[in-house]
Each structure stands twice: as C-alpha cells, then as structure tokens.
Amino acid sequence: MAAIAIQKQAGSANSTRKTELAIAKRIPNRPSAAVKPPKTPKVLGRNPKRGLKLRPAKTVGPLPEEKAPPFQWWELPEGASVREAPPNSISESSQAILGSLLTPGGGEEVRDDLQELFAVIGLDFGTSCTKVVVRFPYEAGELTVAIPAPEHCVSNNQPHLWQTVLWLRPDGQFIAWPEQGALLLHALKQGVMTSGADGNVTPGKYRGLSVSKADAATAYLAYVIRYTRGWLRTHRPNLFRGRHTRWLLNLGLPAEKADNGQLTATYRQIAAAALLCANYSDRPDIEIVKLFLTDDAVVTAGMSEDRALELGIGVFP
C-alpha cells in the first residue's frame, strides 16, 4: 500500500530530512526602536499693541509617540468566493497537456540499487492561488524551479500562480478542471482555517458520504503535488533517469496561525494524506481521500512533528 511504501522510503534518511526541513524555520529581526522627535525650543514673542515682552511660552515637550493599533489579521468569510472568477472551461489541448503531466507524477518503485535524488517541494497553499517551487539541495549547480500552473487555471495572468479551486463530479470523483455538471469547490484554504476541517462543503452527499473541507483541500493538494512531479519528470528527465526520488513537502502555514496547535496538526495531516494520495491516483475520489486521511500513519503524523517528518512532511510559517 502507498502509505507503507512511503514510510519505508523515508526511514533511511530520517535525520537528513529533519535537518533539511528545519532550514525553513527563521525568526525575523525585531524592528529598530523608533527615533524620538526633538524637543520644541522655548519661544519669546511681543504684543504688537503694547510693545511689551510676553512671558516665555511654556516649554512644549516631545509629543507622545502615537502607537499604531495592532495589526488585525482578517480572513474571508467561510464559503466566500475570491475576487477572481474561476475558469468555466478548458480547451482540449490544455486538458491533454494536463493529463500528460499528471500521469508521470505518481509514485515510483522503491529500489535499493538506485541512487537517491532528494527533491523538496515548497508549496504555498493560498486563499486565492497556490505557488510551488522545487529545489534539489544535494545537486550541485541545480537551480530552484518555479512550477508553471496549468494553462486553464492560471491566476491573474501570472504563469506561476494556480487558482485554488477544485471540482467534484456527481460520481464523487475530484477533478482539477471545470466540467459540465461538476460542482465547483472554492474557499479551500479558509474553509480549513475558519470553522474546522470537518465541516461539509457540499449541499448533499455523494455515494452516501459527506465531503468535508479537509477532503477537498487534500484532493486539491494531491493534484498540485502530482502535477508538480509530472512536470519535473517531463521537463527535467536527466535528473531522474536511473535514480529513486525522495520527495519532501514543505507546506506553508499562515504565520499568524503558527501558535494554533490544532490547525498545525490539521495541516500536517492533510499534507501527508495528499502526498500519499498523489502516489495512488491521478483522479482521486471521496473514498480514496478519506482512506488516506484516516490512515494510522497520517493521523499520527498530524499529532507529531517527528512522525510527519518521517513521511517527508514539514509545516512551517
């Protein structure tokens, strides 16, 4: 099973991955102290009618520094759509290209006789769009790669921004492109962050199962991961030829939520399930997603940072 395979994959390089993933943690410098305004000098004046000197004006000390109100983090209301309309169609050529990249993005056979290739996926799971970069930390001279988004789902004409949207077919299959009769699922990120990942995102049930916010987020990230790996194997084939890849996933958590232990655990669980789901299917359905979200190794990874690292998952502000 995919979960067992990826556990075996991660075991031999656990300490190396911990070091690799820990690099992402940074503590920002504190801002320098504000410069106080100079004191206002004493002022002497004359009354133009009497020609008499007036008393020296009272010394005006430095005005109290105005403290800026604390920044209030805001979130879109649950279920709110973003300002950019999602795509409502996909051309045959774009769908063919998308399929050709999803196919090679699946899992691979674990072989001890192959040299290892470490690849770190940095994934910014955004409210309106998602960004992905990949680096190969142990490959000398290999540059970090920004992954272009699928043509039909490019956000704001920026080629590396992928709209954070997903669709659900009536038969319970998730798809990453618009299709007649498929239900649009948006607000994937804020759905997890606002009222909890267990909330239902569909008006009814599919195959007798309700679709939770965690289900939708997992399916979306599985598509992003699988597409990313397929794009790299297609456009950088020499890197992968004759080698076995150890995929690590760094998922960005909003900095203001870093102290929220429950949300961090949910992010780890969703990321671990998405990574396994990407190995298993290029078109996941509800049953597959729920199977991986409730897998013992995935649930444990959500509760434990160390166990998440064993699966190749890191969640960082």
Protein backbone atom coordinates (compact mmCIF):
# COMPACT_ATOMS: atom_id res chain seq x y z
CA MET A 1 0.00 0.00 0.00
CA ALA A 2 1.23 3.55 -0.74
CA ALA A 3 1.34 4.52 2.93
CA ILE A 4 3.66 1.60 3.75
CA ALA A 5 5.84 2.28 0.74
CA ILE A 6 6.44 5.90 1.59
CA GLN A 7 7.22 5.03 5.21
CA LYS A 8 9.93 2.65 4.01
CA GLN A 9 11.14 5.29 1.63
CA ALA A 10 11.59 7.87 4.36
CA GLY A 11 13.14 5.65 7.03
CA SER A 12 16.77 5.55 5.88
CA ALA A 13 17.21 9.31 5.57
CA ASN A 14 15.17 10.49 8.54
CA SER A 15 17.92 12.54 10.19
CA THR A 16 18.94 14.11 6.89
CA ARG A 17 15.40 15.17 6.15
CA LYS A 18 14.93 16.66 9.60
CA THR A 19 17.96 18.86 9.01
CA GLU A 20 16.75 19.75 5.53
CA LEU A 21 13.21 20.67 6.59
CA ALA A 22 14.33 22.58 9.68
CA ILE A 23 16.16 25.12 7.49
CA ALA A 24 12.83 26.75 6.68
CA LYS A 25 12.38 27.96 10.29
CA ARG A 26 13.50 31.56 10.67
CA ILE A 27 12.95 34.18 13.37
CA PRO A 28 12.52 37.67 11.89
CA ASN A 29 14.63 40.51 13.28
CA ARG A 30 12.86 42.87 15.59
CA PRO A 31 12.32 46.37 14.19
CA SER A 32 14.70 49.06 15.41
CA ALA A 33 13.43 51.44 18.09
CA ALA A 34 11.58 54.50 16.82
CA VAL A 35 13.57 57.80 16.88
CA LYS A 36 12.04 60.27 19.31
CA PRO A 37 11.23 63.76 17.91
CA PRO A 38 13.44 66.63 19.15
CA LYS A 39 12.18 68.88 21.93
CA THR A 40 10.45 72.10 20.85
CA PRO A 41 12.59 75.15 21.89
CA LYS A 42 11.32 77.97 24.12
CA VAL A 43 9.64 80.81 22.26
CA LEU A 44 9.62 84.57 23.10
CA GLY A 45 7.08 86.86 21.50
CA ARG A 46 5.87 90.51 21.57
CA ASN A 47 2.42 92.01 21.86
CA PRO A 48 2.23 94.32 18.80
CA LYS A 49 -0.17 96.76 20.59
CA ARG A 50 1.72 97.33 23.83
CA GLY A 51 5.24 96.64 22.69
CA LEU A 52 5.76 94.62 25.80
CA LYS A 53 7.53 91.40 26.10
CA LEU A 54 5.33 88.48 26.74
CA ARG A 55 6.13 85.80 29.17
CA PRO A 56 8.10 82.99 27.71
CA ALA A 57 5.84 80.40 26.28
CA LYS A 58 5.57 77.18 28.13
CA THR A 59 8.03 74.62 27.01
CA VAL A 60 6.42 72.09 24.76
CA GLY A 61 7.93 68.70 25.33
CA PRO A 62 8.01 65.93 22.77
CA LEU A 63 4.61 64.76 21.75
CA PRO A 64 3.79 61.26 22.93
CA GLU A 65 4.51 58.75 20.26
CA GLU A 66 1.35 57.51 18.63
CA LYS A 67 1.21 53.79 18.89
CA ALA A 68 -0.08 52.13 15.80
CA PRO A 69 -3.06 49.90 16.51
CA PRO A 70 -2.15 46.21 16.48
CA PHE A 71 -2.50 44.64 13.07
CA GLN A 72 -5.68 42.64 12.81
CA TRP A 73 -5.42 39.56 10.65
CA TRP A 74 -8.51 39.11 8.55
CA GLU A 75 -10.00 36.19 6.76
CA LEU A 76 -12.57 35.87 4.03
CA PRO A 77 -15.93 34.71 5.36
CA GLU A 78 -16.35 30.98 5.15
CA GLY A 79 -17.53 29.98 1.69
CA ALA A 80 -16.79 33.40 0.21
CA SER A 81 -15.52 33.40 -3.34
CA VAL A 82 -12.31 35.24 -4.18
CA ARG A 83 -12.31 38.31 -6.40
CA GLU A 84 -11.12 36.39 -9.47
CA ALA A 85 -13.71 34.25 -11.21
CA PRO A 86 -12.67 30.59 -11.57
CA PRO A 87 -12.33 29.10 -15.04
CA ASN A 88 -15.50 27.76 -16.59
CA SER A 89 -13.94 25.83 -19.45
CA ILE A 90 -10.78 24.07 -20.57
CA SER A 91 -9.60 23.53 -24.12
CA GLU A 92 -8.95 20.04 -25.44
CA SER A 93 -5.26 20.82 -25.87
CA SER A 94 -4.93 22.13 -22.31
CA GLN A 95 -6.68 19.08 -20.91
CA ALA A 96 -4.44 16.78 -22.95
CA ILE A 97 -1.32 18.55 -21.61
CA LEU A 98 -2.64 18.38 -18.05
CA GLY A 99 -3.31 14.65 -18.37
CA SER A 100 0.15 14.04 -19.83
CA LEU A 101 1.73 15.66 -16.79
CA LEU A 102 -0.48 14.02 -14.16
CA THR A 103 0.29 10.52 -15.43
CA PRO A 104 4.07 10.53 -14.75
CA GLY A 105 3.56 12.35 -11.45
CA GLY A 106 2.53 9.26 -9.49
CA GLY A 107 4.53 7.11 -7.13
CA GLU A 108 7.57 5.13 -8.13
CA GLU A 109 9.03 1.78 -7.21
CA VAL A 110 11.42 1.81 -4.27
CA ARG A 111 14.70 0.22 -5.36
CA ASP A 112 17.82 -0.02 -3.21
CA ASP A 113 20.07 -0.34 -6.25
CA LEU A 114 19.24 3.18 -7.48
CA GLN A 115 20.97 6.38 -6.42
CA GLU A 116 18.77 8.68 -4.35
CA LEU A 117 17.59 12.07 -5.54
CA PHE A 118 16.26 14.44 -2.86
CA ALA A 119 13.62 16.91 -4.04
CA VAL A 120 11.97 19.47 -1.76
CA ILE A 121 8.60 20.85 -2.80
CA GLY A 122 7.83 24.25 -1.29
CA LEU A 123 4.09 24.78 -1.54
CA ASP A 124 2.28 27.99 -0.63
CA PHE A 125 -1.36 26.97 -0.26
CA GLY A 126 -3.07 30.33 -0.74
CA THR A 127 -6.61 31.57 -0.38
CA SER A 128 -6.88 32.69 -4.00
CA CYS A 129 -3.92 30.96 -5.62
CA THR A 130 -1.16 28.45 -4.94
CA LYS A 131 2.54 28.76 -5.69
CA VAL A 132 5.07 25.94 -5.99
CA VAL A 133 8.86 25.88 -6.12
CA VAL A 134 11.11 22.82 -6.05
CA ARG A 135 14.76 22.56 -5.21
CA PHE A 136 17.30 19.76 -5.24
CA PRO A 137 19.51 20.53 -2.22
CA TYR A 138 22.23 17.97 -2.92
CA GLU A 139 22.58 18.53 -6.67
CA ALA A 140 25.46 20.92 -7.28
CA GLY A 141 24.52 23.80 -9.54
CA GLU A 142 20.87 22.77 -9.87
CA LEU A 143 18.67 25.84 -9.60
CA THR A 144 15.38 26.10 -7.77
CA VAL A 145 12.49 25.60 -10.18
CA ALA A 146 9.24 27.59 -10.12
CA ILE A 147 6.49 25.32 -11.44
CA PRO A 148 4.15 26.92 -14.01
CA ALA A 149 0.45 26.46 -13.35
CA PRO A 150 -1.86 24.57 -15.73
CA GLU A 151 -2.88 26.91 -18.53
CA HIS A 152 -6.60 26.81 -17.78
CA CYS A 153 -6.14 27.68 -14.10
CA VAL A 154 -3.55 30.48 -14.26
CA SER A 155 -4.38 33.29 -11.84
CA ASN A 156 -4.29 36.97 -12.88
CA ASN A 157 -2.25 36.14 -15.99
CA GLN A 158 0.71 35.17 -13.78
CA PRO A 159 2.07 31.89 -15.17
CA HIS A 160 3.22 30.51 -11.81
CA LEU A 161 0.00 31.19 -9.85
CA TRP A 162 -2.52 28.33 -9.76
CA GLN A 163 -6.07 29.25 -8.75
CA THR A 164 -7.08 27.44 -5.56
CA VAL A 165 -10.20 25.78 -6.92
CA LEU A 166 -11.40 22.21 -7.44
CA TRP A 167 -14.43 20.44 -8.91
CA LEU A 168 -16.43 17.42 -7.80
CA ARG A 169 -18.19 15.12 -10.25
CA PRO A 170 -21.62 13.68 -9.39
CA ASP A 171 -19.99 10.24 -9.02
CA GLY A 172 -17.73 11.51 -6.21
CA GLN A 173 -14.54 12.00 -8.23
CA PHE A 174 -12.47 15.15 -7.69
CA ILE A 175 -11.13 16.86 -10.81
CA ALA A 176 -8.80 19.83 -11.30
CA TRP A 177 -10.64 21.32 -14.28
CA PRO A 178 -14.14 22.66 -14.96
CA GLU A 179 -16.67 20.29 -16.42
CA GLN A 180 -20.39 20.49 -17.07
CA GLY A 181 -22.31 19.01 -14.17
CA ALA A 182 -19.33 19.17 -11.80
CA LEU A 183 -19.67 21.13 -8.56
CA LEU A 184 -17.20 23.98 -8.04
CA LEU A 185 -15.39 23.84 -4.69
CA HIS A 186 -13.66 27.07 -3.66
CA ALA A 187 -12.59 28.71 -0.39
CA LEU A 188 -10.48 25.58 0.16
CA LYS A 189 -7.94 27.19 2.46
CA GLN A 190 -10.21 29.42 4.53
CA GLY A 191 -12.63 26.52 4.80
CA VAL A 192 -9.99 24.62 6.79
CA MET A 193 -8.88 27.66 8.79
CA THR A 194 -12.23 29.08 9.89
CA SER A 195 -14.71 26.66 11.44
CA GLY A 196 -12.77 23.44 11.26
CA ALA A 197 -11.77 20.85 8.69
CA ASP A 198 -14.72 18.53 9.39
CA GLY A 199 -17.37 20.88 8.04
CA ASN A 200 -19.32 19.80 4.98
CA VAL A 201 -18.61 21.66 1.72
CA THR A 202 -21.36 20.19 -0.43
CA PRO A 203 -25.12 20.68 -0.25
CA GLY A 204 -25.76 16.93 -0.20
CA LYS A 205 -23.94 13.64 -0.05
CA TYR A 206 -22.06 11.77 -2.73
CA ARG A 207 -22.13 7.96 -2.59
CA GLY A 208 -23.66 8.39 0.85
CA LEU A 209 -20.61 10.32 2.09
CA SER A 210 -20.39 13.98 3.00
CA VAL A 211 -17.42 15.87 1.60
CA SER A 212 -15.50 17.74 4.29
CA LYS A 213 -13.25 20.75 3.95
CA ALA A 214 -10.28 18.51 4.71
CA ASP A 215 -11.34 16.15 1.89
CA ALA A 216 -11.45 18.98 -0.64
CA ALA A 217 -8.13 20.50 0.49
CA THR A 218 -6.43 17.09 0.39
CA ALA A 219 -7.68 16.34 -3.13
CA TYR A 220 -6.58 19.74 -4.38
CA LEU A 221 -3.09 19.44 -2.90
CA ALA A 222 -2.79 15.90 -4.27
CA TYR A 223 -3.37 17.29 -7.76
CA VAL A 224 -0.80 20.05 -7.21
CA ILE A 225 1.80 17.57 -5.95
CA ARG A 226 1.20 15.07 -8.72
CA TYR A 227 1.26 17.75 -11.41
CA THR A 228 4.48 19.19 -9.97
CA ARG A 229 6.25 15.85 -10.02
CA GLY A 230 4.98 15.07 -13.51
CA TRP A 231 6.13 18.46 -14.80
CA LEU A 232 9.61 17.93 -13.40
CA ARG A 233 9.96 14.39 -14.73
CA THR A 234 8.84 15.62 -18.14
CA HIS A 235 10.93 18.78 -18.33
CA ARG A 236 13.99 17.67 -16.31
CA PRO A 237 14.27 13.99 -17.31
CA ASN A 238 18.04 13.80 -16.90
CA LEU A 239 17.75 14.49 -13.19
CA PHE A 240 15.51 11.48 -12.62
CA ARG A 241 16.95 8.95 -15.03
CA GLY A 242 18.28 5.89 -13.18
CA ARG A 243 17.52 7.39 -9.76
CA HIS A 244 14.96 6.98 -7.00
CA THR A 245 13.41 10.22 -5.73
CA ARG A 246 12.76 11.04 -2.10
CA TRP A 247 10.08 13.70 -2.17
CA LEU A 248 9.83 16.11 0.75
CA LEU A 249 6.95 18.55 1.12
CA ASN A 250 7.18 21.88 2.93
CA LEU A 251 3.67 23.30 3.31
CA GLY A 252 3.28 26.94 4.29
CA LEU A 253 1.12 27.78 7.31
CA PRO A 254 -0.07 31.39 7.77
CA ALA A 255 2.37 32.98 10.22
CA GLU A 256 -0.36 34.40 12.45
CA LYS A 257 -1.70 30.86 12.94
CA ALA A 258 1.64 29.30 13.84
CA ASP A 259 0.69 29.01 17.52
CA ASN A 260 -2.56 27.22 16.74
CA GLY A 261 -1.63 23.63 17.54
CA GLN A 262 -4.86 22.17 16.23
CA LEU A 263 -4.58 23.94 12.87
CA THR A 264 -0.92 22.94 12.52
CA ALA A 265 -1.89 19.31 13.18
CA THR A 266 -4.65 19.55 10.56
CA TYR A 267 -2.21 20.97 8.02
CA ARG A 268 0.24 18.12 8.67
CA GLN A 269 -2.49 15.51 8.34
CA ILE A 270 -3.83 17.00 5.10
CA ALA A 271 -0.33 17.31 3.62
CA ALA A 272 0.56 13.71 4.50
CA ALA A 273 -2.70 12.41 3.04
CA ALA A 274 -2.23 14.49 -0.13
CA LEU A 275 1.30 13.16 -0.66
CA LEU A 276 0.08 9.56 -0.39
CA CYS A 277 -2.97 10.27 -2.50
CA ALA A 278 -0.74 11.72 -5.23
CA ASN A 279 1.12 8.40 -5.32
CA TYR A 280 -2.05 6.41 -5.69
CA SER A 281 -4.34 8.09 -8.19
CA ASP A 282 -4.29 10.86 -10.79
CA ARG A 283 -8.05 11.37 -10.22
CA PRO A 284 -8.83 10.78 -6.55
CA ASP A 285 -12.40 10.27 -5.37
CA ILE A 286 -14.04 10.70 -2.00
CA GLU A 287 -13.33 7.17 -0.78
CA ILE A 288 -9.64 7.35 -1.65
CA VAL A 289 -9.19 10.72 0.04
CA LYS A 290 -10.98 9.63 3.21
CA LEU A 291 -8.98 6.39 3.25
CA PHE A 292 -5.69 8.27 3.40
CA LEU A 293 -6.90 10.97 5.79
CA THR A 294 -7.82 8.27 8.30
CA ASP A 295 -4.71 6.12 7.71
CA ASP A 296 -2.97 5.46 11.04
CA ALA A 297 0.37 6.83 9.82
CA VAL A 298 -1.28 10.00 8.52
CA VAL A 299 -3.28 10.61 11.71
CA THR A 300 -0.13 10.09 13.79
CA ALA A 301 1.79 12.49 11.52
CA GLY A 302 -0.82 15.12 12.27
CA MET A 303 -0.26 14.76 16.00
CA SER A 304 3.55 14.50 15.88
CA GLU A 305 6.01 16.74 14.06
CA ASP A 306 8.66 14.00 14.15
CA ARG A 307 6.32 11.40 12.67
CA ALA A 308 5.33 13.89 9.95
CA LEU A 309 8.99 14.33 9.06
CA GLU A 310 9.32 10.58 8.70
CA LEU A 311 6.71 10.79 5.94
CA GLY A 312 8.54 13.72 4.34
CA ILE A 313 6.12 16.39 5.59
CA GLY A 314 7.02 19.72 7.15
CA VAL A 315 4.65 22.58 8.03
CA PHE A 316 6.26 26.00 8.52
CA PRO A 317 5.06 29.59 8.96
